[in-house]
Amino acid sequence: EPFPLLREGSKLLHRHISACVAGLVGGDPQMHLLEAGGGLRAPGNSVLLSCRGSGFTFRTHDLWWYRQTPNGRLEWVSYISSLGTTKEYGAAVQGRATVSRDNSRSESSLSLRALGPRDSARYFCAVRTGTGNPAEL
């Protein structure tokens, strides 16, 4: 479901490679998520993105992947539960994306196959850091 965290009014912790998405800042400043991967890819190719957490107990947090399109639209891409037993995907990537996690390395990965123009975006990961007033987002 797109933007489940925003509707629940949770605080989000996020960082991503290119730029911060306005309006999604929240959480303990000692907690970090760092993405890697990406870059230019030819249509039809694949990409592997990774997200490594630090400053918190990664294995106890569910994780979401989002992307911001060139026109500024925010899209939910994927969800993976803390133990990796539940995985969900947005309609735009269903059947082409695979999300995984390695809690021993505090890392999640997102693989996206058969890339097309719609996949051109800034990708970032997010975890719930606590509940709060939606106005705090």
Protein backbone atom coordinates (compact mmCIF):
# COMPACT_ATOMS: atom_id res chain seq x y z
CA GLU A 1 0.00 0.00 0.00
CA PRO A 2 1.54 3.34 -1.01
CA PHE A 3 2.80 5.50 1.86
CA PRO A 4 1.58 3.30 4.74
CA LEU A 5 3.88 5.10 7.17
CA LEU A 6 2.67 8.55 6.25
CA ARG A 7 -0.94 7.60 6.81
CA GLU A 8 -0.10 6.09 10.21
CA GLY A 9 1.66 9.26 11.27
CA SER A 10 4.97 7.56 12.07
CA LYS A 11 8.28 9.32 12.07
CA LEU A 12 10.64 8.21 9.33
CA LEU A 13 14.39 7.98 9.25
CA HIS A 14 15.89 8.20 5.82
CA ARG A 15 18.91 9.19 3.84
CA HIS A 16 19.55 8.72 0.17
CA ILE A 17 22.33 9.23 -2.30
CA SER A 18 21.30 12.31 -4.22
CA ALA A 19 19.19 14.58 -2.06
CA CYS A 20 16.76 14.58 0.82
CA VAL A 21 13.08 14.43 0.01
CA ALA A 22 11.47 17.38 1.76
CA GLY A 23 8.97 16.58 4.48
CA LEU A 24 10.20 13.14 5.50
CA VAL A 25 12.82 13.99 8.09
CA GLY A 26 12.49 12.44 11.54
CA GLY A 27 14.09 10.24 14.16
CA ASP A 28 17.25 10.11 16.23
CA PRO A 29 20.18 11.96 14.60
CA GLN A 30 22.47 9.06 15.57
CA MET A 31 20.43 6.66 13.42
CA HIS A 32 21.48 6.41 9.80
CA LEU A 33 20.47 4.63 6.61
CA LEU A 34 22.94 4.78 3.75
CA GLU A 35 22.05 3.67 0.23
CA ALA A 36 24.49 2.48 -2.42
CA GLY A 37 24.22 1.32 -6.01
CA GLY A 38 22.33 2.84 -8.87
CA GLY A 39 23.80 4.96 -11.63
CA LEU A 40 23.03 4.94 -15.32
CA ARG A 41 21.59 1.75 -16.81
CA ALA A 42 20.43 0.94 -20.33
CA PRO A 43 16.74 0.09 -20.85
CA GLY A 44 16.12 -3.59 -20.17
CA ASN A 45 19.05 -3.90 -17.77
CA SER A 46 18.95 -4.51 -14.01
CA VAL A 47 20.11 -2.58 -10.97
CA LEU A 48 20.94 -3.62 -7.41
CA LEU A 49 20.51 -1.09 -4.60
CA SER A 50 21.55 -1.58 -1.00
CA CYS A 51 20.62 0.12 2.25
CA ARG A 52 22.75 -0.24 5.37
CA GLY A 53 21.55 0.84 8.80
CA SER A 54 23.62 2.02 11.76
CA GLY A 55 22.96 3.47 15.19
CA PHE A 56 19.91 1.29 15.84
CA THR A 57 18.93 -2.37 16.02
CA PHE A 58 18.35 -3.02 12.33
CA ARG A 59 16.93 -6.53 12.79
CA THR A 60 13.93 -5.26 14.77
CA HIS A 61 12.76 -2.77 12.12
CA ASP A 62 10.56 -3.31 9.09
CA LEU A 63 11.95 -1.50 6.04
CA TRP A 64 10.37 0.32 3.10
CA TRP A 65 11.83 1.39 -0.23
CA TYR A 66 10.50 4.52 -1.95
CA ARG A 67 11.43 6.48 -5.02
CA GLN A 68 11.05 10.09 -6.10
CA THR A 69 10.40 10.53 -9.82
CA PRO A 70 11.94 13.39 -11.84
CA ASN A 71 8.65 15.30 -11.59
CA GLY A 72 8.81 15.07 -7.78
CA ARG A 73 6.19 12.37 -7.24
CA LEU A 74 6.88 10.04 -4.32
CA GLU A 75 6.17 6.35 -4.97
CA TRP A 76 6.21 3.39 -2.61
CA VAL A 77 8.34 0.62 -4.15
CA SER A 78 8.67 -2.22 -1.66
CA TYR A 79 8.31 -3.41 1.93
CA ILE A 80 10.15 -6.12 3.86
CA SER A 81 9.36 -7.18 7.42
CA SER A 82 12.02 -7.23 10.13
CA LEU A 83 12.62 -10.97 9.75
CA GLY A 84 12.29 -10.89 5.96
CA THR A 85 9.29 -13.23 5.99
CA THR A 86 6.85 -10.73 4.46
CA LYS A 87 7.63 -8.89 1.23
CA GLU A 88 5.36 -6.58 -0.73
CA TYR A 89 5.80 -4.57 -3.92
CA GLY A 90 4.21 -1.56 -5.55
CA ALA A 91 2.23 -2.11 -8.74
CA ALA A 92 4.84 -0.34 -10.89
CA VAL A 93 7.57 -2.86 -9.97
CA GLN A 94 5.51 -6.00 -9.26
CA GLY A 95 7.14 -9.00 -10.95
CA ARG A 96 10.38 -7.09 -11.64
CA ALA A 97 11.60 -6.29 -8.13
CA THR A 98 13.11 -8.45 -5.41
CA VAL A 99 13.70 -7.16 -1.90
CA SER A 100 15.86 -8.97 0.64
CA ARG A 101 17.70 -8.31 3.87
CA ASP A 102 20.70 -9.61 5.79
CA ASN A 103 20.21 -8.68 9.43
CA SER A 104 23.71 -9.90 10.35
CA ARG A 105 25.05 -7.08 8.14
CA SER A 106 22.27 -4.57 8.95
CA GLU A 107 21.56 -4.37 5.24
CA SER A 108 18.65 -4.59 2.80
CA SER A 109 18.89 -4.93 -0.97
CA LEU A 110 16.48 -4.10 -3.75
CA SER A 111 16.96 -5.60 -7.20
CA LEU A 112 15.00 -4.18 -10.13
CA ARG A 113 14.96 -5.94 -13.51
CA ALA A 114 13.80 -4.95 -17.01
CA LEU A 115 14.39 -1.26 -16.36
CA GLY A 116 12.37 1.26 -18.29
CA PRO A 117 11.94 5.05 -18.39
CA ARG A 118 9.45 4.97 -15.50
CA ASP A 119 12.15 3.55 -13.23
CA SER A 120 14.30 6.67 -13.51
CA ALA A 121 14.11 8.11 -9.99
CA ARG A 122 15.93 8.74 -6.72
CA TYR A 123 15.55 5.65 -4.56
CA PHE A 124 15.74 5.59 -0.79
CA CYS A 125 14.94 3.31 2.12
CA ALA A 126 13.05 4.13 5.30
CA VAL A 127 12.34 2.58 8.68
CA ARG A 128 9.80 3.52 11.32
CA THR A 129 11.58 5.20 14.22
CA GLY A 130 8.54 5.82 16.41
CA THR A 131 4.98 7.00 16.37
CA GLY A 132 4.20 10.66 16.36
CA ASN A 133 2.04 13.48 15.16
CA PRO A 134 1.77 13.55 11.35
CA ALA A 135 2.61 17.26 11.60
CA GLU A 136 6.09 16.25 12.75
CA LEU A 137 6.87 14.66 9.39
